Amino acid sequence: MSEQQDTARFFEEGDADPSLLKDRRVAIVGFGSQGHAHALNLRDSGVSVVVGLYEGSPSAETAREQG
């Protein structure tokens, strides 16, 4: 029986091409701890972001306030 060893691949800044998101809109579903962080990081990087929430979501006000 052979032993398989999995290795993780780490990505660094130079591995990404941010120009692929230029002139596109990225949708984030939810504005909890992760959605909030992803949406704001993308927005701060110049990406157009829209956040999807269900009607009456308690996060809606926070999302609007934070842009």
Foldseek 3Di string as FASTA:
>chain_A
DDDDDDDDDDDDPVNDDVVVQPPHEAEQEDCPPVSVVVQVVCVVVVGHYDYDDDPPDPCVVVVVVVD
